[in-house]
Amino acid sequence: MSDHDAIIIGAGPGGCSAAISLAERGARVLLLEEKRMPRDKLCGEFVAGECLPSLERLGVLSDLMMSGAHRINRVKLVAPGGRTVESSISDISSTGDGAISISRSRFDQVLFQRAREAGVVCLQGFAVKQTVCNGSTVTGVEGLALPSGTKIRFEAPFVVDASGRNSRLALDRRERVGGSKGSRLYAMKAHFTGIEEIDDQVELYFFPSGYGGLTRIEAGLVNLCFMVREEVLRSARGNPTKVLERSVLANPIARDRLRAATQVGQWLTAGPLTFGRRRGGSDGVIAIGDAAGMIDPFTGTGIQMALRTGEIAADCIAAADSPRDAAGRYEGAYWGEFGKRLKAAGLLRRLASSPAAAELAARLLTRFPELNHRMLRATRRSGANGGSP
């Protein structure tokens, strides 16, 4: 008999959400994390209003607010030439709630601590390398305890993959490549001080080679996170300062905001990025969060999808007669809740892939605010399941 009812790979928002939700049902849960907590992650550090119901259910919302989370009430879109349009978060949120912002290191640490309090067995410094199978059915995982390199095998009837976009279990070669060279997308992130007028709003800037935004987090810091095409990274030879000059700073409002900024800490870079649905679940492995698929950052709902897929996975495992049954339930629930918004985000992504079309769209959105509201609501609207617990 296995020592655990479920193994969760990855202690980010999705993994902790699934672990807490299962543990509170009485399940024996093992949570495996390759890094040591707290650890930083490349992220826009914007927590959409759609996250708040999940955070309440998981019992962490008040802890996050006490940890320095900021209330975000407005979002401002800035076209390449500087024209802006401002929306209330409550106008575009499917729940009518405002948003919050907080660093990923602190956000994940609060969730991780809550998982421990819920009775989850949390093992840090463990790198999962592969699944363990009995025939075609996954019965556990095998990996290395770091830094000793000791090989260890854990078994459980259910395995949940929450190990992110670089999952060793969910990615195929096409996803690792991320498209044709030169046109691929990369993300960069750093924290800054000395940035004024970024308080209760998030500002999203469009520029010819991509888009990015500023969000205030705790400790007087502002997070800058942006996506840029590979050609810019190559022309700048990977130098972050030059990449910034040739991308974000092409937008006059962003250039003004960052004029007196001082960087704190290191740049984080990730890519190439791929978006859309990946694998759902099969024979005992259920992929959640970015391991299941990435939604475009401009939607601001990546963390919300991670939290909800964790809750959905726990619901399906608790109700299932077998791992295969859980996988089937999860697949249907995933598409019921996220299918429409993934489709909407995909349409907008194809529009943004053309620099000329993207600039025109940005200008239209800043000129017609209601069109902006409708676009953002379309990327947040749930399907038939409506985000219920």
Protein backbone atom coordinates (compact mmCIF):
# COMPACT_ATOMS: atom_id res chain seq x y z
CA MET A 1 0.00 0.00 0.00
CA SER A 2 1.30 3.48 -0.88
CA ASP A 3 2.28 5.92 1.87
CA HIS A 4 0.52 8.71 -0.06
CA ASP A 5 -2.83 9.14 -1.77
CA ALA A 6 -1.50 11.77 -4.18
CA ILE A 7 1.85 13.17 -5.27
CA ILE A 8 2.00 16.81 -6.40
CA ILE A 9 5.04 17.90 -8.43
CA GLY A 10 5.77 21.62 -7.98
CA ALA A 11 4.97 23.97 -5.09
CA GLY A 12 3.79 26.98 -7.07
CA PRO A 13 0.20 28.32 -6.95
CA GLY A 14 -1.26 25.31 -8.79
CA GLY A 15 0.60 22.67 -6.81
CA CYS A 16 -0.14 24.25 -3.43
CA SER A 17 -3.78 24.78 -4.39
CA ALA A 18 -4.19 21.09 -5.26
CA ALA A 19 -2.25 19.96 -2.19
CA ILE A 20 -4.25 22.09 0.25
CA SER A 21 -7.57 21.16 -1.34
CA LEU A 22 -6.81 17.44 -1.15
CA ALA A 23 -5.33 17.55 2.35
CA GLU A 24 -8.40 19.31 3.69
CA ARG A 25 -10.44 16.36 2.39
CA GLY A 26 -8.29 14.02 4.48
CA ALA A 27 -5.97 12.83 1.70
CA ARG A 28 -2.33 11.99 2.42
CA VAL A 29 -0.47 14.34 0.09
CA LEU A 30 3.21 14.54 -0.82
CA LEU A 31 4.32 17.86 -2.36
CA LEU A 32 7.67 17.78 -4.18
CA GLU A 33 9.55 21.00 -5.02
CA GLU A 34 12.89 21.17 -6.83
CA LYS A 35 13.91 24.58 -5.40
CA ARG A 36 14.15 25.81 -1.82
CA MET A 37 11.37 28.11 -0.66
CA PRO A 38 11.11 31.05 -0.86
CA ARG A 39 12.37 31.38 -4.44
CA ASP A 40 11.76 34.05 -7.04
CA LYS A 41 9.90 33.37 -10.30
CA LEU A 42 9.48 35.29 -13.51
CA CYS A 43 5.96 36.67 -13.21
CA GLY A 44 3.95 39.84 -13.69
CA GLU A 45 3.09 39.56 -9.96
CA PHE A 46 -0.49 40.63 -10.66
CA VAL A 47 -3.15 38.58 -8.87
CA ALA A 48 -6.47 39.08 -10.67
CA GLY A 49 -9.74 39.59 -8.85
CA GLU A 50 -10.82 36.16 -10.13
CA CYS A 51 -8.16 34.69 -7.79
CA LEU A 52 -9.70 36.06 -4.61
CA PRO A 53 -12.45 33.42 -4.16
CA SER A 54 -9.85 30.65 -4.52
CA LEU A 55 -7.48 32.38 -2.09
CA GLU A 56 -10.34 32.67 0.42
CA ARG A 57 -11.17 28.98 0.07
CA LEU A 58 -7.50 28.06 0.48
CA GLY A 59 -7.30 30.17 3.64
CA VAL A 60 -4.48 32.49 2.56
CA LEU A 61 -6.04 35.79 1.47
CA SER A 62 -5.73 37.51 4.84
CA ASP A 63 -2.14 36.25 5.21
CA LEU A 64 -1.26 37.67 1.80
CA MET A 65 -2.69 41.06 2.70
CA MET A 66 -0.75 41.06 5.97
CA SER A 67 2.38 40.11 4.00
CA GLY A 68 2.26 43.38 2.07
CA ALA A 69 0.00 42.71 -0.91
CA HIS A 70 -1.23 45.89 -2.64
CA ARG A 71 -4.79 46.51 -3.76
CA ILE A 72 -5.02 47.15 -7.50
CA ASN A 73 -8.12 49.01 -8.67
CA ARG A 74 -7.19 50.20 -12.19
CA VAL A 75 -5.48 48.99 -15.33
CA LYS A 76 -4.02 51.42 -17.86
CA LEU A 77 -3.19 50.43 -21.44
CA VAL A 78 -0.61 52.58 -23.20
CA ALA A 79 -0.30 52.49 -27.01
CA PRO A 80 3.17 52.71 -28.65
CA GLY A 81 2.79 56.45 -29.20
CA GLY A 82 1.69 57.15 -25.62
CA ARG A 83 -2.09 57.31 -25.98
CA THR A 84 -3.70 55.73 -22.90
CA VAL A 85 -7.00 54.21 -21.80
CA GLU A 86 -7.83 53.44 -18.20
CA SER A 87 -10.28 50.84 -16.90
CA SER A 88 -11.51 49.91 -13.47
CA ILE A 89 -10.52 46.37 -12.52
CA SER A 90 -14.09 45.77 -11.37
CA ASP A 91 -15.32 46.65 -14.90
CA ILE A 92 -13.28 43.88 -16.52
CA SER A 93 -13.33 41.30 -13.74
CA SER A 94 -15.77 38.40 -14.06
CA THR A 95 -16.26 38.56 -10.27
CA GLY A 96 -16.49 42.34 -9.94
CA ASP A 97 -13.58 42.33 -7.47
CA GLY A 98 -10.42 44.41 -7.47
CA ALA A 99 -7.02 42.76 -7.82
CA ILE A 100 -3.91 42.57 -5.67
CA SER A 101 -0.18 42.54 -6.40
CA ILE A 102 2.61 40.83 -4.48
CA SER A 103 5.98 39.29 -5.32
CA ARG A 104 5.91 35.67 -6.41
CA SER A 105 8.46 34.72 -3.77
CA ARG A 106 6.17 35.94 -1.00
CA PHE A 107 2.96 34.74 -2.68
CA ASP A 108 4.29 31.21 -3.13
CA GLN A 109 5.80 31.11 0.36
CA VAL A 110 2.45 31.96 1.98
CA LEU A 111 0.74 29.17 0.01
CA PHE A 112 3.55 26.72 0.79
CA GLN A 113 3.30 27.42 4.52
CA ARG A 114 -0.48 26.94 4.35
CA ALA A 115 0.05 23.55 2.70
CA ARG A 116 2.27 22.50 5.58
CA GLU A 117 -0.32 23.66 8.08
CA ALA A 118 -2.96 21.60 6.24
CA GLY A 119 -0.90 18.45 6.81
CA VAL A 120 0.80 18.16 3.43
CA VAL A 121 4.21 16.44 3.50
CA CYS A 122 6.47 18.98 1.78
CA LEU A 123 9.83 17.89 0.39
CA GLN A 124 12.08 20.61 -1.01
CA GLY A 125 15.19 20.08 -3.11
CA PHE A 126 13.77 17.09 -4.97
CA ALA A 127 13.93 16.92 -8.77
CA VAL A 128 11.37 14.62 -10.36
CA LYS A 129 12.90 12.95 -13.42
CA GLN A 130 10.23 10.53 -14.59
CA THR A 131 7.07 8.69 -13.73
CA VAL A 132 6.95 5.13 -12.44
CA CYS A 133 4.54 2.86 -14.31
CA ASN A 134 2.84 -0.47 -13.89
CA GLY A 135 2.19 -1.34 -17.48
CA SER A 136 0.65 1.79 -19.00
CA THR A 137 -0.58 3.17 -15.68
CA VAL A 138 1.46 5.72 -13.72
CA THR A 139 1.92 4.60 -10.11
CA GLY A 140 4.41 7.18 -8.83
CA VAL A 141 7.51 9.21 -9.61
CA GLU A 142 11.25 8.82 -9.44
CA GLY A 143 13.79 11.55 -8.95
CA LEU A 144 16.88 12.89 -7.21
CA ALA A 145 17.30 14.41 -3.77
CA LEU A 146 19.44 17.51 -4.27
CA PRO A 147 22.32 18.13 -3.84
CA SER A 148 23.26 14.56 -2.77
CA GLY A 149 21.95 13.03 -6.00
CA THR A 150 20.29 10.17 -4.13
CA LYS A 151 17.69 8.45 -6.29
CA ILE A 152 14.31 8.05 -4.57
CA ARG A 153 11.00 6.59 -5.73
CA PHE A 154 7.60 7.61 -4.35
CA GLU A 155 4.34 5.84 -5.12
CA ALA A 156 0.74 7.02 -5.05
CA PRO A 157 -2.42 6.24 -7.05
CA PHE A 158 -2.67 9.85 -8.28
CA VAL A 159 0.09 12.09 -9.65
CA VAL A 160 -0.48 15.80 -10.32
CA ASP A 161 2.03 17.64 -12.49
CA ALA A 162 2.29 21.28 -11.38
CA SER A 163 5.92 21.70 -12.41
CA GLY A 164 5.34 24.59 -14.79
CA ARG A 165 5.94 25.38 -18.44
CA ASN A 166 9.21 23.37 -18.50
CA SER A 167 7.58 20.23 -17.16
CA ARG A 168 9.62 17.12 -17.89
CA LEU A 169 6.39 15.12 -18.00
CA ALA A 170 4.16 17.27 -20.22
CA LEU A 171 6.31 18.88 -22.90
CA ASP A 172 7.10 17.52 -26.33
CA ARG A 173 9.86 18.79 -28.62
CA ARG A 174 7.64 21.32 -30.42
CA GLU A 175 6.79 23.02 -27.14
CA ARG A 176 10.45 23.17 -26.12
CA VAL A 177 11.42 24.78 -29.43
CA GLY A 178 8.68 27.40 -29.12
CA GLY A 179 8.41 28.34 -32.80
CA SER A 180 10.80 29.42 -35.53
CA LYS A 181 14.06 31.08 -34.53
CA GLY A 182 14.00 34.86 -34.59
CA SER A 183 10.25 35.14 -34.07
CA ARG A 184 10.08 33.34 -30.73
CA LEU A 185 8.96 35.15 -27.58
CA TYR A 186 10.99 35.63 -24.41
CA ALA A 187 10.06 37.22 -21.08
CA MET A 188 12.18 39.33 -18.74
CA LYS A 189 11.55 40.59 -15.22
CA ALA A 190 13.28 42.78 -12.62
CA HIS A 191 12.36 44.82 -9.54
CA PHE A 192 12.99 48.56 -9.25
CA THR A 193 12.78 51.46 -6.84
CA GLY A 194 12.36 55.12 -7.76
CA ILE A 195 9.27 54.66 -9.94
CA GLU A 196 6.52 57.16 -9.17
CA GLU A 197 2.76 57.17 -9.91
CA ILE A 198 2.44 53.36 -9.87
CA ASP A 199 0.22 52.82 -6.85
CA ASP A 200 -3.20 51.23 -7.18
CA GLN A 201 -2.91 50.60 -10.92
CA VAL A 202 -1.09 48.26 -13.28
CA GLU A 203 0.23 49.87 -16.45
CA LEU A 204 0.54 47.78 -19.62
CA TYR A 205 2.76 49.19 -22.36
CA PHE A 206 2.74 48.23 -26.03
CA PHE A 207 5.85 48.72 -28.17
CA PRO A 208 6.84 47.48 -31.65
CA SER A 209 8.51 44.26 -30.46
CA GLY A 210 6.15 43.23 -27.67
CA TYR A 211 4.44 44.44 -24.50
CA GLY A 212 5.01 44.59 -20.76
CA GLY A 213 3.88 46.25 -17.57
CA LEU A 214 4.65 47.80 -14.21
CA THR A 215 3.03 46.75 -10.93
CA ARG A 216 3.83 47.92 -7.41
CA ILE A 217 4.53 45.13 -4.92
CA GLU A 218 5.61 45.05 -1.28
CA ALA A 219 8.66 46.72 0.30
CA GLY A 220 8.45 49.81 -1.92
CA LEU A 221 9.36 47.85 -5.05
CA VAL A 222 7.84 47.96 -8.53
CA ASN A 223 7.90 44.90 -10.78
CA LEU A 224 8.70 45.29 -14.48
CA CYS A 225 7.84 42.26 -16.57
CA PHE A 226 7.73 42.24 -20.37
CA MET A 227 7.68 39.99 -23.42
CA VAL A 228 9.85 40.65 -26.43
CA ARG A 229 10.64 38.94 -29.71
CA GLU A 230 13.86 36.99 -30.02
CA GLU A 231 15.25 39.31 -32.68
CA VAL A 232 15.57 42.07 -30.06
CA LEU A 233 17.48 39.79 -27.67
CA ARG A 234 19.84 38.86 -30.48
CA SER A 235 20.45 42.43 -31.60
CA ALA A 236 21.19 43.42 -27.99
CA ARG A 237 23.43 40.34 -27.53
CA GLY A 238 21.39 39.46 -24.46
CA ASN A 239 22.38 42.63 -22.57
CA PRO A 240 19.33 43.46 -20.38
CA THR A 241 19.94 47.22 -20.48
CA LYS A 242 20.09 47.23 -24.27
CA VAL A 243 17.06 44.93 -24.53
CA LEU A 244 15.13 47.37 -22.32
CA GLU A 245 16.22 50.34 -24.45
CA ARG A 246 15.15 48.62 -27.67
CA SER A 247 11.79 47.43 -26.38
CA VAL A 248 9.95 48.89 -23.35
CA LEU A 249 11.66 52.28 -23.50
CA ALA A 250 10.40 52.79 -27.03
CA ASN A 251 7.06 53.60 -25.37
CA PRO A 252 7.23 57.25 -24.20
CA ILE A 253 5.14 56.73 -21.04
CA ALA A 254 7.22 53.73 -19.99
CA ARG A 255 10.40 55.69 -20.70
CA ASP A 256 9.20 58.50 -18.45
CA ARG A 257 8.19 56.08 -15.66
CA LEU A 258 11.60 54.36 -15.67
CA ARG A 259 13.69 57.52 -16.02
CA ALA A 260 14.83 57.60 -12.37
CA ALA A 261 14.45 53.88 -11.62
CA THR A 262 17.11 51.87 -9.78
CA GLN A 263 17.24 48.12 -10.29
CA VAL A 264 17.10 45.87 -7.21
CA GLY A 265 18.32 42.31 -7.65
CA GLN A 266 18.90 40.39 -10.85
CA TRP A 267 17.09 40.11 -14.15
CA LEU A 268 15.16 36.90 -14.71
CA THR A 269 14.68 35.63 -18.27
CA ALA A 270 12.49 32.82 -19.62
CA GLY A 271 11.77 31.43 -23.05
CA PRO A 272 11.03 30.59 -25.69
CA LEU A 273 7.40 30.78 -24.59
CA THR A 274 4.48 28.82 -26.02
CA PHE A 275 0.81 29.45 -25.31
CA GLY A 276 -2.38 27.47 -25.42
CA ARG A 277 -3.39 24.05 -24.15
CA ARG A 278 -0.91 21.24 -23.62
CA ARG A 279 -1.65 17.85 -22.10
CA GLY A 280 -4.55 17.37 -19.68
CA GLY A 281 -4.28 14.10 -17.83
CA SER A 282 -3.72 10.47 -18.62
CA ASP A 283 -3.39 7.25 -16.64
CA GLY A 284 -2.82 8.89 -13.27
CA VAL A 285 -1.02 12.11 -14.26
CA ILE A 286 -3.09 15.30 -14.25
CA ALA A 287 -1.31 18.41 -15.52
CA ILE A 288 -2.32 21.72 -13.94
CA GLY A 289 -1.19 25.34 -14.14
CA ASP A 290 1.37 26.10 -16.82
CA ALA A 291 2.12 22.38 -17.24
CA ALA A 292 -1.41 22.06 -18.65
CA GLY A 293 -1.07 25.15 -20.82
CA MET A 294 -0.18 28.84 -20.68
CA ILE A 295 -2.58 31.69 -21.27
CA ASP A 296 -1.13 34.91 -22.65
CA PRO A 297 0.21 37.30 -19.98
CA PHE A 298 -1.86 40.26 -21.23
CA THR A 299 -4.96 38.53 -19.77
CA GLY A 300 -3.56 38.81 -16.24
CA THR A 301 -5.10 35.44 -15.32
CA GLY A 302 -2.16 33.02 -15.29
CA ILE A 303 -2.13 32.72 -11.49
CA GLN A 304 -5.91 32.37 -11.41
CA MET A 305 -5.78 29.46 -13.85
CA ALA A 306 -3.10 27.79 -11.73
CA LEU A 307 -5.16 28.14 -8.54
CA ARG A 308 -8.36 26.94 -10.19
CA THR A 309 -6.81 23.98 -12.00
CA GLY A 310 -5.39 22.90 -8.64
CA GLU A 311 -8.85 23.04 -7.07
CA ILE A 312 -10.44 21.31 -10.06
CA ALA A 313 -7.84 18.51 -9.97
CA ALA A 314 -8.56 17.95 -6.28
CA ASP A 315 -12.32 17.86 -6.95
CA CYS A 316 -11.86 15.30 -9.72
CA ILE A 317 -9.52 13.08 -7.71
CA ALA A 318 -11.86 13.13 -4.70
CA ALA A 319 -14.84 12.12 -6.87
CA ALA A 320 -13.07 9.56 -9.06
CA ASP A 321 -13.15 5.77 -8.93
CA SER A 322 -9.76 5.47 -10.62
CA PRO A 323 -6.89 7.59 -12.00
CA ARG A 324 -8.32 7.25 -15.50
CA ASP A 325 -11.73 8.42 -14.26
CA ALA A 326 -10.10 11.42 -12.54
CA ALA A 327 -8.26 12.34 -15.76
CA GLY A 328 -11.47 12.20 -17.78
CA ARG A 329 -13.36 14.31 -15.25
CA TYR A 330 -10.53 16.84 -15.19
CA GLU A 331 -10.37 17.17 -18.97
CA GLY A 332 -14.07 17.96 -19.19
CA ALA A 333 -13.96 20.42 -16.27
CA TYR A 334 -10.89 22.17 -17.68
CA TRP A 335 -12.46 22.86 -21.06
CA GLY A 336 -15.76 23.79 -19.45
CA GLU A 337 -14.12 26.52 -17.39
CA PHE A 338 -11.25 27.71 -19.58
CA GLY A 339 -12.13 26.79 -23.17
CA LYS A 340 -13.74 30.10 -24.13
CA ARG A 341 -11.07 32.30 -22.61
CA LEU A 342 -8.23 30.28 -24.20
CA LYS A 343 -9.93 30.70 -27.56
CA ALA A 344 -10.32 34.46 -27.03
CA ALA A 345 -6.69 34.81 -25.93
CA GLY A 346 -5.55 32.79 -28.96
CA LEU A 347 -7.37 35.11 -31.35
CA LEU A 348 -5.78 38.15 -29.74
CA ARG A 349 -2.37 36.47 -29.81
CA ARG A 350 -2.58 35.98 -33.56
CA LEU A 351 -3.49 39.64 -33.91
CA ALA A 352 -0.52 40.66 -31.78
CA SER A 353 1.88 38.51 -33.85
CA SER A 354 1.83 41.20 -36.54
CA PRO A 355 3.59 44.39 -35.33
CA ALA A 356 1.47 46.58 -37.62
CA ALA A 357 -1.78 44.93 -36.54
CA ALA A 358 -0.76 45.05 -32.89
CA GLU A 359 -0.06 48.78 -33.09
CA LEU A 360 -3.38 49.42 -34.79
CA ALA A 361 -5.20 47.33 -32.16
CA ALA A 362 -3.49 49.20 -29.34
CA ARG A 363 -4.54 52.52 -30.83
CA LEU A 364 -8.14 51.34 -31.26
CA LEU A 365 -8.31 50.07 -27.69
CA THR A 366 -7.00 53.34 -26.29
CA ARG A 367 -9.47 55.31 -28.42
CA PHE A 368 -12.53 53.18 -27.62
CA PRO A 369 -12.52 52.20 -23.91
CA GLU A 370 -15.61 49.98 -24.12
CA LEU A 371 -13.89 47.85 -26.78
CA ASN A 372 -11.01 47.44 -24.35
CA HIS A 373 -13.42 46.34 -21.59
CA ARG A 374 -15.03 43.75 -23.84
CA MET A 375 -11.69 42.33 -24.96
CA LEU A 376 -10.36 41.92 -21.43
CA ARG A 377 -13.64 40.46 -20.15
CA ALA A 378 -13.56 37.87 -22.96
CA THR A 379 -10.19 36.58 -21.75
CA ARG A 380 -11.51 36.23 -18.17
CA ARG A 381 -15.00 34.82 -18.70
CA SER A 382 -15.39 31.25 -17.51
CA GLY A 383 -17.31 28.58 -19.37
CA ALA A 384 -20.15 26.36 -18.21
CA ASN A 385 -18.62 25.56 -14.83
CA GLY A 386 -18.34 29.25 -14.00
CA GLY A 387 -15.47 28.89 -11.54
CA SER A 388 -17.49 27.26 -8.82
CA PRO A 389 -15.58 25.45 -6.08
